[in-house]
Amino acid sequence: MPVHIAPADEAWAGRGRELAAEVHSAAAPHALRVEHIGSTSIPGMAAKPVYDLQMSVAALDRGTLDAPLAAIGFTRRAYEHDHVPAGRGDDPERWRKLFYTRDEPELINLHVRVAGSPNERVALLFRDWLRAHPAAVDAYAAFKVALAARLDDVGEYADVKDPVVDLVIVAAEVWAATTGWEP
């Protein structure tokens, strides 16, 4: 499936907040919080027109989430691990998640992660660092557009993009330490 990168859309932020509120309401009381993450959550970022949401939970438990999320159109997928950034010696089990998608009325990826886990933190750090560094948004967006023009497969696109995200996270970790950023 070809990778489509759309120009930045100011409406993404508001719609992301609405979707996060819808998911939070459906998954209560299990959802500690639901946030709009990923490229559509970053002002000025060209992105695949897909909303990425992150639900933070106390523990990963399919039994409590499948039914309420199915009621609002989500399907659980088999993908249950995040990429561990290069240079991290973490046990991959610390990077587990549940992953749900919804295709209507817009495409949504819902990443369910344990509150306080490294993958929950990295998703928020990536978003917040890019929001604080608009020049990096332009550079990262240009990279994504060029990559999408060369690859026809979303999986390959993600595999090639992961090491670049790893580099962003290195810079973002320095920024977090310097500014006192916390999720």
N, C-alpha and C. Protein backbone atom coordinates (compact mmCIF):
# COMPACT_ATOMS: atom_id res chain seq x y z
N MET A 1 0.85 -1.18 0.00
CA MET A 1 0.00 0.00 0.00
C MET A 1 0.89 1.24 0.00
N PRO A 2 0.69 2.15 -0.94
CA PRO A 2 1.52 3.36 -1.01
C PRO A 2 1.37 4.22 0.25
N VAL A 3 2.42 4.95 0.55
CA VAL A 3 2.42 5.85 1.70
C VAL A 3 2.05 7.23 1.19
N HIS A 4 1.01 7.80 1.78
CA HIS A 4 0.57 9.14 1.40
C HIS A 4 0.86 10.10 2.55
N ILE A 5 1.65 11.13 2.25
CA ILE A 5 1.92 12.18 3.23
C ILE A 5 1.16 13.42 2.78
N ALA A 6 0.28 13.89 3.64
CA ALA A 6 -0.54 15.07 3.33
C ALA A 6 0.11 16.32 3.93
N PRO A 7 -0.12 17.47 3.31
CA PRO A 7 0.36 18.72 3.92
C PRO A 7 -0.28 18.91 5.29
N ALA A 8 0.39 19.64 6.15
CA ALA A 8 -0.13 19.92 7.49
C ALA A 8 -1.53 20.52 7.40
N ASP A 9 -2.37 20.17 8.35
CA ASP A 9 -3.75 20.65 8.38
C ASP A 9 -4.03 21.15 9.80
N GLU A 10 -4.37 22.43 9.92
CA GLU A 10 -4.63 23.02 11.24
C GLU A 10 -5.79 22.33 11.96
N ALA A 11 -6.69 21.71 11.23
CA ALA A 11 -7.86 21.06 11.84
C ALA A 11 -7.48 19.77 12.57
N TRP A 12 -6.32 19.21 12.29
CA TRP A 12 -5.92 17.96 12.93
C TRP A 12 -5.88 18.07 14.45
N ALA A 13 -5.39 19.16 14.97
CA ALA A 13 -5.25 19.29 16.43
C ALA A 13 -6.61 19.22 17.13
N GLY A 14 -7.57 19.97 16.65
CA GLY A 14 -8.90 19.95 17.27
C GLY A 14 -9.58 18.60 17.14
N ARG A 15 -9.47 18.01 15.96
CA ARG A 15 -10.09 16.70 15.78
C ARG A 15 -9.40 15.65 16.64
N GLY A 16 -8.09 15.76 16.79
CA GLY A 16 -7.36 14.84 17.66
C GLY A 16 -7.84 14.92 19.10
N ARG A 17 -8.10 16.14 19.58
CA ARG A 17 -8.63 16.31 20.94
C ARG A 17 -10.02 15.68 21.07
N GLU A 18 -10.87 15.87 20.05
CA GLU A 18 -12.21 15.28 20.08
C GLU A 18 -12.14 13.75 20.11
N LEU A 19 -11.29 13.17 19.29
CA LEU A 19 -11.15 11.72 19.25
C LEU A 19 -10.61 11.18 20.57
N ALA A 20 -9.64 11.88 21.14
CA ALA A 20 -9.09 11.46 22.44
C ALA A 20 -10.18 11.47 23.51
N ALA A 21 -11.01 12.49 23.50
CA ALA A 21 -12.11 12.57 24.48
C ALA A 21 -13.11 11.44 24.26
N GLU A 22 -13.42 11.12 23.01
CA GLU A 22 -14.35 10.02 22.71
C GLU A 22 -13.80 8.69 23.23
N VAL A 23 -12.53 8.43 22.96
CA VAL A 23 -11.92 7.17 23.40
C VAL A 23 -11.84 7.12 24.91
N HIS A 24 -11.47 8.23 25.53
CA HIS A 24 -11.36 8.27 26.99
C HIS A 24 -12.70 7.96 27.63
N SER A 25 -13.76 8.55 27.11
CA SER A 25 -15.10 8.31 27.64
C SER A 25 -15.50 6.85 27.50
N ALA A 26 -15.21 6.26 26.35
CA ALA A 26 -15.60 4.86 26.10
C ALA A 26 -14.81 3.89 26.97
N ALA A 27 -13.56 4.21 27.26
CA ALA A 27 -12.68 3.29 27.99
C ALA A 27 -12.63 3.55 29.49
N ALA A 28 -13.36 4.55 29.96
CA ALA A 28 -13.37 4.83 31.40
C ALA A 28 -13.95 3.64 32.14
N PRO A 29 -13.48 3.32 33.28
CA PRO A 29 -12.45 3.99 34.09
C PRO A 29 -11.04 3.46 33.83
N HIS A 30 -10.87 2.59 32.83
CA HIS A 30 -9.57 1.96 32.59
C HIS A 30 -8.54 2.93 32.00
N ALA A 31 -9.00 3.88 31.21
CA ALA A 31 -8.10 4.86 30.60
C ALA A 31 -7.72 5.91 31.63
N LEU A 32 -6.46 5.97 31.99
CA LEU A 32 -5.99 7.01 32.90
C LEU A 32 -5.96 8.35 32.17
N ARG A 33 -5.52 8.30 30.90
CA ARG A 33 -5.58 9.48 30.03
C ARG A 33 -5.47 9.00 28.60
N VAL A 34 -5.97 9.81 27.68
CA VAL A 34 -5.85 9.55 26.25
C VAL A 34 -5.37 10.84 25.61
N GLU A 35 -4.30 10.74 24.83
CA GLU A 35 -3.70 11.93 24.23
C GLU A 35 -3.49 11.73 22.74
N HIS A 36 -3.57 12.83 22.03
CA HIS A 36 -3.27 12.86 20.60
C HIS A 36 -1.75 12.93 20.48
N ILE A 37 -1.16 11.95 19.80
CA ILE A 37 0.29 11.89 19.61
C ILE A 37 0.57 11.77 18.12
N GLY A 38 1.82 11.60 17.76
CA GLY A 38 2.17 11.37 16.37
C GLY A 38 2.16 12.65 15.56
N SER A 39 2.42 12.51 14.27
CA SER A 39 2.63 13.67 13.41
C SER A 39 1.43 14.60 13.29
N THR A 40 0.20 14.06 13.31
CA THR A 40 -0.96 14.96 13.19
C THR A 40 -1.16 15.81 14.43
N SER A 41 -0.42 15.52 15.50
CA SER A 41 -0.54 16.32 16.73
C SER A 41 0.48 17.45 16.79
N ILE A 42 1.30 17.57 15.75
CA ILE A 42 2.39 18.55 15.76
C ILE A 42 2.07 19.65 14.75
N PRO A 43 1.90 20.89 15.20
CA PRO A 43 1.57 21.99 14.29
C PRO A 43 2.60 22.10 13.15
N GLY A 44 2.09 22.23 11.93
CA GLY A 44 2.95 22.42 10.77
C GLY A 44 3.56 21.15 10.20
N MET A 45 3.25 20.00 10.77
CA MET A 45 3.88 18.75 10.32
C MET A 45 3.07 18.09 9.20
N ALA A 46 3.73 17.84 8.08
CA ALA A 46 3.12 17.01 7.05
C ALA A 46 3.01 15.60 7.64
N ALA A 47 1.96 14.88 7.29
CA ALA A 47 1.73 13.59 7.96
C ALA A 47 0.87 12.68 7.11
N LYS A 48 0.98 11.38 7.39
CA LYS A 48 -0.04 10.47 6.88
C LYS A 48 -1.34 10.93 7.54
N PRO A 49 -2.44 10.99 6.81
CA PRO A 49 -3.69 11.45 7.42
C PRO A 49 -4.31 10.38 8.31
N VAL A 50 -3.59 10.08 9.38
CA VAL A 50 -3.98 9.08 10.36
C VAL A 50 -3.79 9.70 11.74
N TYR A 51 -4.80 9.60 12.58
CA TYR A 51 -4.68 10.10 13.95
C TYR A 51 -4.09 9.00 14.82
N ASP A 52 -2.99 9.31 15.49
CA ASP A 52 -2.44 8.40 16.48
C ASP A 52 -2.85 8.91 17.84
N LEU A 53 -3.46 8.03 18.62
CA LEU A 53 -3.85 8.35 19.98
C LEU A 53 -3.12 7.39 20.91
N GLN A 54 -2.81 7.87 22.10
CA GLN A 54 -2.21 7.02 23.11
C GLN A 54 -3.09 6.99 24.34
N MET A 55 -3.47 5.77 24.73
CA MET A 55 -4.21 5.58 25.98
C MET A 55 -3.23 5.05 27.01
N SER A 56 -3.16 5.72 28.15
CA SER A 56 -2.32 5.27 29.26
C SER A 56 -3.21 4.52 30.24
N VAL A 57 -2.75 3.32 30.62
CA VAL A 57 -3.50 2.45 31.52
C VAL A 57 -2.59 1.96 32.64
N ALA A 58 -3.20 1.46 33.70
CA ALA A 58 -2.42 0.92 34.82
C ALA A 58 -1.78 -0.40 34.45
N ALA A 59 -2.45 -1.21 33.62
CA ALA A 59 -1.93 -2.51 33.19
C ALA A 59 -2.57 -2.87 31.84
N LEU A 60 -1.84 -3.63 31.04
CA LEU A 60 -2.37 -4.07 29.76
C LEU A 60 -3.30 -5.26 29.99
N ASP A 61 -4.58 -5.05 29.67
CA ASP A 61 -5.58 -6.09 29.90
C ASP A 61 -6.59 -6.04 28.76
N ARG A 62 -6.42 -6.95 27.81
CA ARG A 62 -7.33 -6.99 26.66
C ARG A 62 -8.78 -7.15 27.10
N GLY A 63 -9.00 -7.95 28.10
CA GLY A 63 -10.36 -8.26 28.54
C GLY A 63 -11.18 -7.05 28.92
N THR A 64 -10.53 -6.03 29.44
CA THR A 64 -11.28 -4.86 29.87
C THR A 64 -11.47 -3.83 28.76
N LEU A 65 -10.68 -3.90 27.70
CA LEU A 65 -10.73 -2.85 26.68
C LEU A 65 -11.39 -3.28 25.37
N ASP A 66 -11.31 -4.56 25.02
CA ASP A 66 -11.82 -4.98 23.72
C ASP A 66 -13.29 -4.60 23.50
N ALA A 67 -14.15 -4.90 24.43
CA ALA A 67 -15.58 -4.63 24.25
C ALA A 67 -15.90 -3.13 24.18
N PRO A 68 -15.42 -2.31 25.14
CA PRO A 68 -15.78 -0.89 25.03
C PRO A 68 -15.19 -0.22 23.79
N LEU A 69 -14.02 -0.64 23.37
CA LEU A 69 -13.44 -0.05 22.17
C LEU A 69 -14.14 -0.56 20.91
N ALA A 70 -14.53 -1.82 20.89
CA ALA A 70 -15.29 -2.36 19.75
C ALA A 70 -16.62 -1.61 19.60
N ALA A 71 -17.21 -1.20 20.73
CA ALA A 71 -18.49 -0.49 20.69
C ALA A 71 -18.38 0.85 19.95
N ILE A 72 -17.17 1.41 19.87
CA ILE A 72 -16.99 2.67 19.13
C ILE A 72 -16.18 2.44 17.85
N GLY A 73 -16.13 1.18 17.40
CA GLY A 73 -15.58 0.89 16.08
C GLY A 73 -14.14 0.45 16.00
N PHE A 74 -13.49 0.21 17.13
CA PHE A 74 -12.08 -0.18 17.11
C PHE A 74 -11.92 -1.70 17.07
N THR A 75 -10.89 -2.13 16.37
CA THR A 75 -10.52 -3.54 16.28
C THR A 75 -9.11 -3.70 16.81
N ARG A 76 -8.92 -4.69 17.68
CA ARG A 76 -7.56 -4.95 18.20
C ARG A 76 -6.77 -5.67 17.13
N ARG A 77 -5.51 -5.28 16.98
CA ARG A 77 -4.59 -5.88 16.01
C ARG A 77 -3.54 -6.69 16.75
N ALA A 78 -2.85 -7.52 16.02
CA ALA A 78 -1.87 -8.44 16.63
C ALA A 78 -0.58 -7.73 17.05
N TYR A 79 -0.33 -6.56 16.57
CA TYR A 79 0.91 -5.85 16.85
C TYR A 79 0.94 -5.45 18.33
N GLU A 80 1.86 -6.03 19.12
CA GLU A 80 1.86 -5.79 20.57
C GLU A 80 3.20 -5.37 21.14
N HIS A 81 4.11 -4.93 20.30
CA HIS A 81 5.41 -4.43 20.78
C HIS A 81 5.80 -3.19 20.00
N ASP A 82 6.37 -2.24 20.68
CA ASP A 82 6.94 -1.07 20.01
C ASP A 82 8.41 -1.31 19.70
N HIS A 83 8.90 -0.55 18.75
CA HIS A 83 10.32 -0.52 18.42
C HIS A 83 11.08 0.00 19.65
N VAL A 84 12.13 -0.69 20.04
CA VAL A 84 12.99 -0.21 21.13
C VAL A 84 14.08 0.64 20.49
N PRO A 85 14.19 1.91 20.86
CA PRO A 85 15.18 2.78 20.22
C PRO A 85 16.60 2.23 20.34
N ALA A 86 17.38 2.47 19.29
CA ALA A 86 18.77 2.03 19.25
C ALA A 86 19.51 2.55 20.46
N GLY A 87 20.36 1.71 21.00
CA GLY A 87 21.18 2.12 22.14
C GLY A 87 20.52 1.89 23.49
N ARG A 88 19.26 1.50 23.49
CA ARG A 88 18.55 1.22 24.74
C ARG A 88 18.74 -0.25 25.08
N GLY A 89 19.13 -0.53 26.29
CA GLY A 89 19.30 -1.90 26.72
C GLY A 89 18.06 -2.47 27.37
N ASP A 90 16.92 -1.83 27.16
CA ASP A 90 15.67 -2.24 27.81
C ASP A 90 15.24 -3.63 27.39
N ASP A 91 14.64 -4.32 28.31
CA ASP A 91 13.95 -5.56 28.03
C ASP A 91 12.78 -5.22 27.09
N PRO A 92 12.67 -5.86 25.93
CA PRO A 92 11.56 -5.55 25.02
C PRO A 92 10.18 -5.69 25.66
N GLU A 93 10.06 -6.48 26.71
CA GLU A 93 8.77 -6.61 27.39
C GLU A 93 8.30 -5.29 27.99
N ARG A 94 9.25 -4.40 28.30
CA ARG A 94 8.88 -3.09 28.83
C ARG A 94 8.23 -2.22 27.75
N TRP A 95 8.33 -2.65 26.49
CA TRP A 95 7.82 -1.89 25.35
C TRP A 95 6.56 -2.55 24.77
N ARG A 96 5.87 -3.35 25.58
CA ARG A 96 4.63 -3.98 25.14
C ARG A 96 3.51 -2.93 25.06
N LYS A 97 2.53 -3.25 24.26
CA LYS A 97 1.35 -2.40 24.15
C LYS A 97 0.21 -3.21 23.57
N LEU A 98 -0.96 -2.64 23.59
CA LEU A 98 -2.10 -3.14 22.83
C LEU A 98 -2.31 -2.13 21.71
N PHE A 99 -2.74 -2.62 20.56
CA PHE A 99 -2.88 -1.75 19.39
C PHE A 99 -4.25 -1.99 18.75
N TYR A 100 -5.00 -0.91 18.59
CA TYR A 100 -6.33 -0.95 17.99
C TYR A 100 -6.37 0.03 16.81
N THR A 101 -7.22 -0.26 15.85
CA THR A 101 -7.42 0.66 14.73
C THR A 101 -8.91 0.89 14.50
N ARG A 102 -9.20 2.02 13.89
CA ARG A 102 -10.56 2.33 13.43
C ARG A 102 -10.41 3.03 12.10
N ASP A 103 -11.23 2.65 11.13
CA ASP A 103 -11.11 3.19 9.78
C ASP A 103 -12.16 4.23 9.42
N GLU A 104 -13.21 4.35 10.21
CA GLU A 104 -14.30 5.27 9.88
C GLU A 104 -14.65 6.14 11.07
N PRO A 105 -14.94 7.40 10.94
CA PRO A 105 -14.97 8.16 9.70
C PRO A 105 -13.59 8.63 9.25
N GLU A 106 -12.57 8.45 10.08
CA GLU A 106 -11.19 8.72 9.66
C GLU A 106 -10.30 7.62 10.24
N LEU A 107 -9.09 7.53 9.74
CA LEU A 107 -8.17 6.50 10.20
C LEU A 107 -7.58 6.86 11.55
N ILE A 108 -7.65 5.90 12.49
CA ILE A 108 -7.11 6.12 13.84
C ILE A 108 -6.32 4.90 14.24
N ASN A 109 -5.12 5.15 14.77
CA ASN A 109 -4.32 4.13 15.44
C ASN A 109 -4.37 4.45 16.93
N LEU A 110 -4.77 3.47 17.72
CA LEU A 110 -4.83 3.66 19.17
C LEU A 110 -3.78 2.76 19.82
N HIS A 111 -2.80 3.39 20.45
CA HIS A 111 -1.72 2.70 21.13
C HIS A 111 -2.03 2.71 22.62
N VAL A 112 -2.22 1.53 23.21
CA VAL A 112 -2.51 1.43 24.63
C VAL A 112 -1.22 1.01 25.33
N ARG A 113 -0.73 1.88 26.20
CA ARG A 113 0.55 1.64 26.86
C ARG A 113 0.40 1.84 28.36
N VAL A 114 1.26 1.16 29.09
CA VAL A 114 1.24 1.27 30.54
C VAL A 114 1.78 2.64 30.96
N ALA A 115 1.05 3.31 31.84
CA ALA A 115 1.49 4.61 32.36
C ALA A 115 2.86 4.45 33.02
N GLY A 116 3.78 5.33 32.65
CA GLY A 116 5.12 5.28 33.20
C GLY A 116 6.08 4.38 32.45
N SER A 117 5.60 3.68 31.43
CA SER A 117 6.47 2.80 30.64
C SER A 117 7.34 3.63 29.70
N PRO A 118 8.46 3.06 29.24
CA PRO A 118 9.32 3.83 28.34
C PRO A 118 8.64 4.17 27.01
N ASN A 119 7.80 3.28 26.50
CA ASN A 119 7.15 3.58 25.22
C ASN A 119 6.08 4.66 25.37
N GLU A 120 5.41 4.72 26.51
CA GLU A 120 4.47 5.82 26.75
C GLU A 120 5.22 7.14 26.77
N ARG A 121 6.34 7.17 27.49
CA ARG A 121 7.14 8.38 27.63
C ARG A 121 7.71 8.85 26.30
N VAL A 122 8.27 7.92 25.51
CA VAL A 122 8.90 8.29 24.24
C VAL A 122 7.88 8.92 23.28
N ALA A 123 6.67 8.38 23.23
CA ALA A 123 5.66 8.94 22.34
C ALA A 123 5.34 10.40 22.71
N LEU A 124 5.25 10.68 23.99
CA LEU A 124 4.96 12.04 24.44
C LEU A 124 6.16 12.96 24.27
N LEU A 125 7.35 12.44 24.54
CA LEU A 125 8.56 13.24 24.38
C LEU A 125 8.78 13.61 22.92
N PHE A 126 8.60 12.66 22.02
CA PHE A 126 8.74 12.92 20.59
C PHE A 126 7.82 14.06 20.16
N ARG A 127 6.56 13.97 20.55
CA ARG A 127 5.57 15.00 20.21
C ARG A 127 5.96 16.36 20.78
N ASP A 128 6.26 16.39 22.08
CA ASP A 128 6.51 17.66 22.75
C ASP A 128 7.81 18.32 22.29
N TRP A 129 8.84 17.51 22.01
CA TRP A 129 10.10 18.08 21.53
C TRP A 129 9.89 18.72 20.16
N LEU A 130 9.18 18.02 19.28
CA LEU A 130 8.92 18.61 17.95
C LEU A 130 8.05 19.86 18.05
N ARG A 131 7.08 19.87 18.94
CA ARG A 131 6.28 21.08 19.13
C ARG A 131 7.14 22.26 19.58
N ALA A 132 8.17 21.98 20.35
CA ALA A 132 9.05 23.04 20.86
C ALA A 132 10.15 23.43 19.88
N HIS A 133 10.29 22.69 18.78
CA HIS A 133 11.38 22.93 17.82
C HIS A 133 10.83 22.97 16.40
N PRO A 134 10.18 24.07 16.01
CA PRO A 134 9.55 24.15 14.68
C PRO A 134 10.51 23.94 13.51
N ALA A 135 11.76 24.33 13.65
CA ALA A 135 12.72 24.10 12.56
C ALA A 135 12.92 22.60 12.32
N ALA A 136 12.87 21.83 13.38
CA ALA A 136 13.00 20.38 13.24
C ALA A 136 11.75 19.79 12.58
N VAL A 137 10.60 20.41 12.79
CA VAL A 137 9.37 19.95 12.15
C VAL A 137 9.54 19.99 10.64
N ASP A 138 10.05 21.09 10.12
CA ASP A 138 10.25 21.22 8.68
C ASP A 138 11.20 20.16 8.15
N ALA A 139 12.30 19.92 8.87
CA ALA A 139 13.28 18.94 8.43
C ALA A 139 12.71 17.53 8.47
N TYR A 140 12.03 17.20 9.54
CA TYR A 140 11.45 15.86 9.68
C TYR A 140 10.36 15.63 8.63
N ALA A 141 9.54 16.64 8.39
CA ALA A 141 8.49 16.53 7.38
C ALA A 141 9.10 16.31 5.99
N ALA A 142 10.16 17.04 5.67
CA ALA A 142 10.82 16.86 4.37
C ALA A 142 11.37 15.44 4.23
N PHE A 143 11.94 14.92 5.30
CA PHE A 143 12.43 13.54 5.29
C PHE A 143 11.29 12.57 5.01
N LYS A 144 10.15 12.74 5.69
CA LYS A 144 9.02 11.84 5.51
C LYS A 144 8.46 11.89 4.09
N VAL A 145 8.38 13.07 3.52
CA VAL A 145 7.87 13.22 2.15
C VAL A 145 8.82 12.51 1.17
N ALA A 146 10.12 12.71 1.35
CA ALA A 146 11.10 12.06 0.47
C ALA A 146 11.05 10.55 0.62
N LEU A 147 10.93 10.08 1.83
CA LEU A 147 10.88 8.64 2.09
C LEU A 147 9.62 8.03 1.47
N ALA A 148 8.50 8.67 1.65
CA ALA A 148 7.23 8.16 1.10
C ALA A 148 7.27 8.11 -0.42
N ALA A 149 8.00 9.04 -1.05
CA ALA A 149 8.11 9.04 -2.51
C ALA A 149 8.93 7.85 -3.03
N ARG A 150 9.74 7.26 -2.14
CA ARG A 150 10.62 6.16 -2.56
C ARG A 150 10.13 4.77 -2.16
N LEU A 151 9.18 4.72 -1.24
CA LEU A 151 8.71 3.42 -0.75
C LEU A 151 7.21 3.28 -0.98
N ASP A 152 6.82 2.07 -1.37
CA ASP A 152 5.40 1.80 -1.62
C ASP A 152 4.73 1.02 -0.50
N ASP A 153 5.47 0.72 0.55
CA ASP A 153 4.95 -0.13 1.59
C ASP A 153 5.01 0.58 2.95
N VAL A 154 3.89 0.65 3.65
CA VAL A 154 3.82 1.34 4.93
C VAL A 154 4.75 0.69 5.95
N GLY A 155 4.85 -0.63 5.94
CA GLY A 155 5.74 -1.32 6.87
C GLY A 155 7.20 -0.96 6.64
N GLU A 156 7.62 -0.94 5.38
CA GLU A 156 8.99 -0.53 5.06
C GLU A 156 9.23 0.92 5.47
N TYR A 157 8.25 1.75 5.19
CA TYR A 157 8.33 3.17 5.55
C TYR A 157 8.60 3.30 7.05
N ALA A 158 7.85 2.58 7.86
CA ALA A 158 8.03 2.64 9.32
C ALA A 158 9.41 2.11 9.73
N ASP A 159 9.85 1.03 9.10
CA ASP A 159 11.15 0.44 9.44
C ASP A 159 12.30 1.40 9.14
N VAL A 160 12.21 2.12 8.03
CA VAL A 160 13.27 3.07 7.67
C VAL A 160 13.19 4.32 8.54
N LYS A 161 11.98 4.70 8.90
CA LYS A 161 11.78 5.90 9.72
C LYS A 161 12.23 5.71 11.16
N ASP A 162 12.12 4.50 11.71
CA ASP A 162 12.45 4.26 13.12
C ASP A 162 13.83 4.76 13.54
N PRO A 163 14.90 4.49 12.78
CA PRO A 163 16.22 5.00 13.22
C PRO A 163 16.30 6.53 13.25
N VAL A 164 15.54 7.19 12.39
CA VAL A 164 15.53 8.65 12.41
C VAL A 164 14.80 9.14 13.66
N VAL A 165 13.71 8.47 14.01
CA VAL A 165 13.01 8.80 15.26
C VAL A 165 13.95 8.58 16.44
N ASP A 166 14.75 7.51 16.38
CA ASP A 166 15.73 7.25 17.45
C ASP A 166 16.67 8.45 17.63
N LEU A 167 17.11 9.04 16.52
CA LEU A 167 18.00 10.21 16.60
C LEU A 167 17.28 11.42 17.20
N VAL A 168 16.02 11.61 16.81
CA VAL A 168 15.23 12.70 17.40
C VAL A 168 15.12 12.50 18.90
N ILE A 169 14.90 11.27 19.33
CA ILE A 169 14.75 10.99 20.76
C ILE A 169 16.03 11.29 21.52
N VAL A 170 17.19 11.06 20.92
CA VAL A 170 18.46 11.41 21.58
C VAL A 170 18.49 12.90 21.89
N ALA A 171 18.17 13.71 20.89
CA ALA A 171 18.15 15.17 21.10
C ALA A 171 17.04 15.55 22.08
N ALA A 172 15.90 14.89 21.98
CA ALA A 172 14.78 15.20 22.86
C ALA A 172 15.09 14.87 24.31
N GLU A 173 15.83 13.81 24.55
CA GLU A 173 16.20 13.45 25.93
C GLU A 173 17.09 14.53 26.56
N VAL A 174 17.99 15.09 25.77
CA VAL A 174 18.83 16.20 26.27
C VAL A 174 17.94 17.39 26.61
N TRP A 175 17.02 17.71 25.72
CA TRP A 175 16.09 18.81 25.95
C TRP A 175 15.25 18.56 27.21
N ALA A 176 14.76 17.32 27.37
CA ALA A 176 13.95 16.99 28.55
C ALA A 176 14.74 17.20 29.83
N ALA A 177 15.99 16.76 29.83
CA ALA A 177 16.83 16.91 31.02
C ALA A 177 17.13 18.37 31.31
N THR A 178 17.33 19.15 30.25
CA THR A 178 17.67 20.57 30.41
C THR A 178 16.48 21.39 30.87
N THR A 179 15.29 21.06 30.37
CA THR A 179 14.10 21.88 30.65
C THR A 179 13.28 21.35 31.83
N GLY A 180 13.57 20.12 32.26
CA GLY A 180 12.76 19.52 33.31
C GLY A 180 11.45 18.94 32.78
N TRP A 181 11.37 18.72 31.46
CA TRP A 181 10.16 18.14 30.86
C TRP A 181 9.83 16.81 31.50
N GLU A 182 8.56 16.62 31.75
CA GLU A 182 8.03 15.34 32.20
C GLU A 182 6.73 15.10 31.50
N PRO A 183 6.40 13.81 31.29
CA PRO A 183 5.11 13.53 30.61
C PRO A 183 3.93 13.94 31.46
